[in-house]
Protein backbone atom coordinates (compact mmCIF):
# COMPACT_ATOMS: atom_id res chain seq x y z
CA UNK A 1 31.78 -4.23 9.51
CA UNK A 2 29.34 -1.83 7.91
CA UNK A 3 29.72 -1.13 4.20
CA UNK A 4 29.27 2.61 3.82
CA UNK A 5 29.87 4.21 0.42
CA UNK A 6 32.55 6.87 0.39
CA UNK A 7 30.07 9.46 -0.89
CA UNK A 8 27.55 8.77 1.88
CA UNK A 9 27.19 11.32 4.67
CA UNK A 10 26.62 9.96 8.17
CA UNK A 11 26.13 12.44 10.99
CA UNK A 12 28.42 11.79 13.97
CA UNK A 13 25.37 11.53 16.24
CA UNK A 14 23.86 8.73 14.12
CA UNK A 15 24.35 5.02 14.84
CA UNK A 16 24.99 2.66 11.92
CA UNK A 17 25.47 -0.84 13.25
CA UNK A 18 28.05 -3.27 11.92
CA UNK A 19 26.70 -5.16 8.92
CA UNK A 20 24.54 -2.37 7.52
CA UNK A 21 25.02 -1.36 3.88
CA UNK A 22 24.74 2.31 2.93
CA UNK A 23 24.69 3.33 -0.74
CA UNK A 24 26.24 6.16 -2.70
CA UNK A 25 25.23 9.71 -1.73
CA UNK A 26 22.98 8.45 1.07
CA UNK A 27 22.45 10.86 3.97
CA UNK A 28 21.90 9.72 7.56
CA UNK A 29 21.02 12.59 9.86
CA UNK A 30 21.52 13.02 13.60
CA UNK A 31 20.00 10.57 16.08
CA UNK A 32 19.13 8.02 13.40
CA UNK A 33 19.64 4.32 14.12
CA UNK A 34 20.33 1.88 11.28
CA UNK A 35 20.29 -1.81 12.20
CA UNK A 36 22.87 -4.45 11.23
CA UNK A 37 20.74 -6.11 8.53
CA UNK A 38 19.57 -2.91 6.82
CA UNK A 39 20.39 -1.97 3.24
CA UNK A 40 20.01 1.69 2.28
CA UNK A 41 20.14 2.30 -1.47
CA UNK A 42 21.82 5.15 -3.29
CA UNK A 43 20.51 8.66 -2.53
CA UNK A 44 18.41 7.51 0.43
CA UNK A 45 17.96 10.23 3.03
CA UNK A 46 17.10 9.74 6.71
CA UNK A 47 16.51 13.26 7.98
CA UNK A 48 16.88 12.77 11.74
CA UNK A 49 15.53 10.60 14.56
CA UNK A 50 14.69 7.78 12.14
CA UNK A 51 14.91 4.10 13.09
CA UNK A 52 15.44 1.52 10.33
CA UNK A 53 15.60 -1.97 11.81
CA UNK A 54 15.15 -5.61 10.86
CA UNK A 55 16.02 -7.16 7.51
CA UNK A 56 14.95 -4.07 5.65
CA UNK A 57 15.89 -2.73 2.22
CA UNK A 58 15.19 0.91 1.31
CA UNK A 59 15.25 1.73 -2.42
CA UNK A 60 17.12 4.46 -4.21
CA UNK A 61 16.05 8.05 -3.57
CA UNK A 62 13.60 7.34 -0.76
CA UNK A 63 13.35 10.05 1.92
CA UNK A 64 12.35 9.24 5.50
CA UNK A 65 11.31 11.98 7.91
CA UNK A 66 11.76 12.24 11.69
CA UNK A 67 10.38 9.66 14.12
CA UNK A 68 9.51 7.09 11.47
CA UNK A 69 10.10 3.51 12.63
CA UNK A 70 10.74 1.26 9.64
CA UNK A 71 11.35 -2.49 9.72
CA UNK A 72 10.19 -3.26 13.22
CA UNK A 73 9.00 -6.74 14.18
CA UNK A 74 5.45 -7.61 13.04
CA UNK A 75 2.76 -6.77 15.56
CA UNK A 76 1.42 -10.31 15.56
CA UNK A 77 1.00 -12.80 18.40
CA UNK A 78 2.07 -15.49 15.91
CA UNK A 79 5.51 -14.02 15.31
CA UNK A 80 8.21 -16.08 16.95
CA UNK A 81 11.26 -14.07 15.96
CA UNK A 82 11.69 -15.57 12.50
CA UNK A 83 13.92 -13.74 10.00
CA UNK A 84 11.34 -11.95 7.89
CA UNK A 85 11.79 -8.91 5.65
CA UNK A 86 10.56 -5.49 4.58
CA UNK A 87 11.32 -4.09 1.15
CA UNK A 88 10.61 -0.43 0.36
CA UNK A 89 10.96 0.70 -3.25
CA UNK A 90 12.55 3.70 -4.90
CA UNK A 91 11.64 7.38 -4.57
CA UNK A 92 9.14 6.90 -1.77
CA UNK A 93 8.44 9.69 0.71
CA UNK A 94 7.85 8.50 4.27
CA UNK A 95 6.73 11.29 6.54
CA UNK A 96 6.85 11.82 10.29
CA UNK A 97 5.87 8.96 12.58
CA UNK A 98 5.20 6.39 9.86
CA UNK A 99 5.56 2.75 10.92
CA UNK A 100 6.20 -0.25 8.65
CA UNK A 101 6.72 -3.81 9.88
CA UNK A 102 8.44 -6.86 8.48
CA UNK A 103 6.41 -9.91 7.45
CA UNK A 104 5.46 -13.06 9.33
CA UNK A 105 6.47 -16.60 8.47
CA UNK A 106 2.81 -17.55 8.20
CA UNK A 107 2.13 -14.76 5.71
CA UNK A 108 4.98 -15.38 3.32
CA UNK A 109 7.61 -13.58 5.38
CA UNK A 110 7.69 -10.41 3.27
CA UNK A 111 6.19 -6.94 3.51
CA UNK A 112 6.64 -5.27 0.12
CA UNK A 113 6.22 -1.59 -0.75
CA UNK A 114 6.64 -0.44 -4.37
CA UNK A 115 8.02 2.73 -5.93
CA UNK A 116 7.00 6.40 -5.85
CA UNK A 117 4.64 6.04 -2.90
CA UNK A 118 3.75 8.80 -0.44
CA UNK A 119 3.10 7.95 3.22
CA UNK A 120 1.84 10.90 5.22
CA UNK A 121 2.35 11.36 8.95
CA UNK A 122 1.59 8.46 11.31
CA UNK A 123 0.34 6.07 8.65
CA UNK A 124 0.97 2.37 9.30
CA UNK A 125 1.84 -0.56 7.02
CA UNK A 126 1.49 -3.84 8.90
CA UNK A 127 3.13 -7.21 8.39
CA UNK A 128 2.80 -9.01 5.05
CA UNK A 129 1.17 -6.07 3.26
CA UNK A 130 1.82 -5.84 -0.48
CA UNK A 131 1.73 -2.32 -1.96
CA UNK A 132 2.16 -1.32 -5.59
CA UNK A 133 3.39 1.99 -7.02
CA UNK A 134 2.24 5.62 -6.90
CA UNK A 135 0.02 5.05 -3.86
CA UNK A 136 -0.89 7.75 -1.34
CA UNK A 137 -1.59 6.91 2.30
CA UNK A 138 -2.82 10.08 3.99
CA UNK A 139 -2.28 10.92 7.65
CA UNK A 140 -3.14 8.19 10.17
CA UNK A 141 -4.13 5.57 7.61
CA UNK A 142 -3.96 2.09 9.16
CA UNK A 143 -3.32 -1.00 7.04
CA UNK A 144 -3.78 -4.25 8.95
CA UNK A 145 -1.78 -7.35 8.11
CA UNK A 146 -1.86 -8.99 4.67
CA UNK A 147 -3.56 -6.04 2.96
CA UNK A 148 -2.94 -5.63 -0.78
CA UNK A 149 -3.09 -2.14 -2.31
CA UNK A 150 -2.70 -1.79 -6.08
CA UNK A 151 -1.09 1.03 -8.08
CA UNK A 152 -2.31 4.62 -7.82
CA UNK A 153 -4.81 3.99 -5.03
CA UNK A 154 -5.43 6.92 -2.66
CA UNK A 155 -6.45 6.36 0.96
CA UNK A 156 -7.89 9.32 2.83
CA UNK A 157 -6.86 10.39 6.31
CA UNK A 158 -7.68 8.15 9.23
CA UNK A 159 -9.15 5.27 7.26
CA UNK A 160 -8.66 1.75 8.59
CA UNK A 161 -8.30 -1.33 6.37
CA UNK A 162 -9.21 -4.80 7.67
CA UNK A 163 -6.62 -7.57 7.38
CA UNK A 164 -6.49 -9.55 4.12
CA UNK A 165 -8.46 -6.86 2.27
CA UNK A 166 -7.62 -6.00 -1.35
CA UNK A 167 -7.84 -2.44 -2.67
CA UNK A 168 -7.84 -2.30 -6.47
CA UNK A 169 -5.86 -0.08 -8.77
CA UNK A 170 -6.74 3.60 -8.69
CA UNK A 171 -9.41 3.15 -6.03
CA UNK A 172 -10.19 6.10 -3.77
CA UNK A 173 -10.95 5.61 -0.07
CA UNK A 174 -12.53 8.55 1.75
CA UNK A 175 -11.18 9.86 5.03
CA UNK A 176 -12.18 8.02 8.23
CA UNK A 177 -13.65 5.14 6.24
CA UNK A 178 -13.72 1.59 7.60
CA UNK A 179 -12.62 -0.73 4.79
CA UNK A 180 -13.89 -4.17 5.76
CA UNK A 181 -14.23 -5.69 2.30
CA UNK A 182 -12.39 -5.69 -1.02
CA UNK A 183 -12.65 -2.50 -3.10
CA UNK A 184 -12.76 -2.90 -6.87
CA UNK A 185 -10.29 -1.12 -9.18
CA UNK A 186 -11.42 2.47 -9.83
CA UNK A 187 -13.94 2.15 -6.99
CA UNK A 188 -14.73 4.98 -4.57
CA UNK A 189 -15.58 4.01 -1.01
CA UNK A 190 -16.70 6.12 1.94
CA UNK A 191 -18.19 5.68 5.38
CA UNK A 192 -18.19 3.39 8.39
CA UNK A 193 -18.96 0.73 7.40
CA UNK A 194 -17.49 1.56 4.03
CA UNK A 195 -19.97 1.68 1.15
CA UNK A 196 -19.02 1.70 -2.51
CA UNK A 197 -20.25 4.96 -3.97
CA UNK A 198 -19.44 4.54 -7.65
CA UNK A 199 -16.29 5.01 -9.68
CA UNK A 200 -13.34 7.31 -9.12
CA UNK A 201 -14.14 9.22 -12.31
CA UNK A 202 -11.94 12.19 -11.43
CA UNK A 203 -8.96 9.92 -10.87
CA UNK A 204 -9.66 8.04 -14.09
CA UNK A 205 -9.78 11.30 -16.05
CA UNK A 206 -6.55 12.53 -14.48
CA UNK A 207 -4.91 9.25 -15.46
CA UNK A 208 -5.75 9.97 -19.09
CA UNK A 209 -8.55 7.45 -19.51
CA UNK A 210 -10.81 8.61 -22.33
CA UNK A 211 -14.36 9.71 -21.56
CA UNK A 212 -15.80 7.01 -23.83
CA UNK A 213 -13.93 4.36 -21.86
CA UNK A 214 -15.17 5.80 -18.57
CA UNK A 215 -18.75 5.58 -19.87
CA UNK A 216 -18.15 1.95 -20.81
CA UNK A 217 -16.81 1.14 -17.35
CA UNK A 218 -19.77 2.92 -15.77
CA UNK A 219 -22.14 0.75 -17.77
CA UNK A 220 -20.34 -2.37 -16.59
CA UNK A 221 -20.45 -1.11 -13.00
CA UNK A 222 -24.23 -0.71 -13.16
CA UNK A 223 -24.68 -4.17 -14.61
CA UNK A 224 -22.52 -5.67 -11.87
CA UNK A 225 -23.99 -3.90 -8.86
CA UNK A 226 -27.56 -3.17 -9.99
CA UNK A 227 -28.31 -6.46 -11.70
CA UNK A 228 -30.74 -8.99 -10.26
CA UNK A 229 -28.15 -11.64 -9.42
CA UNK A 230 -25.24 -11.62 -7.00
CA UNK A 231 -22.26 -9.40 -7.76
CA UNK A 232 -20.10 -12.31 -8.83
CA UNK A 233 -22.82 -13.88 -10.95
CA UNK A 234 -23.52 -10.56 -12.67
CA UNK A 235 -19.82 -10.03 -13.33
CA UNK A 236 -19.38 -13.49 -14.80
CA UNK A 237 -22.41 -13.03 -17.07
CA UNK A 238 -21.09 -9.89 -18.79
CA UNK A 239 -17.44 -10.83 -19.40
CA UNK A 240 -17.87 -11.43 -23.12
CA UNK A 241 -19.42 -8.00 -23.53
CA UNK A 242 -16.29 -6.18 -22.28
CA UNK A 243 -13.34 -8.13 -23.68
CA UNK A 244 -12.29 -5.05 -25.67
CA UNK A 245 -12.22 -2.77 -22.61
CA UNK A 246 -9.17 -3.49 -20.41
CA UNK A 247 -10.43 -1.25 -17.60
CA UNK A 248 -13.74 -3.07 -17.34
CA UNK A 249 -11.99 -6.43 -17.59
CA UNK A 250 -9.70 -5.40 -14.75
CA UNK A 251 -12.75 -4.97 -12.52
CA UNK A 252 -14.26 -8.27 -13.68
CA UNK A 253 -11.00 -10.13 -13.09
CA UNK A 254 -10.71 -8.58 -9.62
CA UNK A 255 -14.21 -9.74 -8.73
CA UNK A 256 -13.56 -13.21 -10.10
CA UNK A 257 -10.31 -13.74 -8.20
CA UNK A 258 -10.16 -15.72 -4.98
CA UNK A 259 -10.15 -13.61 -1.83
CA UNK A 260 -10.44 -13.95 1.92
CA UNK A 261 -12.86 -11.02 2.01
CA UNK A 262 -16.27 -10.26 0.52
CA UNK A 263 -16.71 -7.39 -1.94
CA UNK A 264 -17.64 -3.86 -1.01
CA UNK A 265 -20.80 -2.77 -2.79
CA UNK A 266 -23.38 0.05 -2.71
CA UNK A 267 -25.46 -2.17 -0.41
CA UNK A 268 -24.26 -2.05 3.19
CA UNK A 269 -20.64 -2.52 2.12
CA UNK A 270 -20.99 -6.22 1.35
CA UNK A 271 -22.76 -8.12 -1.36
CA UNK A 272 -21.00 -10.95 -2.94
């Protein structure tokens, strides 16, 4: 039997399969289909013609617009029907035609989406992606499998992100860009292939980062990407200089971390 809160409103033309859990004040509009392993949190709203399938949890206050397909099987030839999951956080807005898939057993089995994210029409979150909070995916953004996107990143319309790529906190990806390599926190990338074009200074300012700190991070950026050595060698050489600047250290830590992808840079999109 489904567990539907007394305050929830389910349209008579919607299908809520046995086993689903629907929270307080949730709204399920006409022609929606909610699968048997789905959990809809309090105040979730499915407007109409929404499919939520798989072992999927939708957090409190998230709104999902028509023709979104959430929690479908991963689009992977390696998926053999294992019981994998999708978790979507609170207060997300998922617009028309958005697709999000559950994870794969080989990738940890979990696709995770944080809180307060905005997914514009026809954007796609593939299997095993890990997304933070306050992220914007513009129309037709495509995230391949295993992509990690950190808090407050903005991805412009139509950009495509290669599998296993990391996009750092508060990075900005221009529309129609091809993201083949990791993008540093606060980085700004454009083009196909994507080329790092400096720092997202506007975004940093809007986030309340002081001008003096932005100048410090800019200096570190130049030392990393314009120095004589490799990007990683340059980053390792200047760590002691920036221990008192968390924003610069965030970039240095990102560069120093293990990754399946090279680093985007101002030189052809890869220098690492």
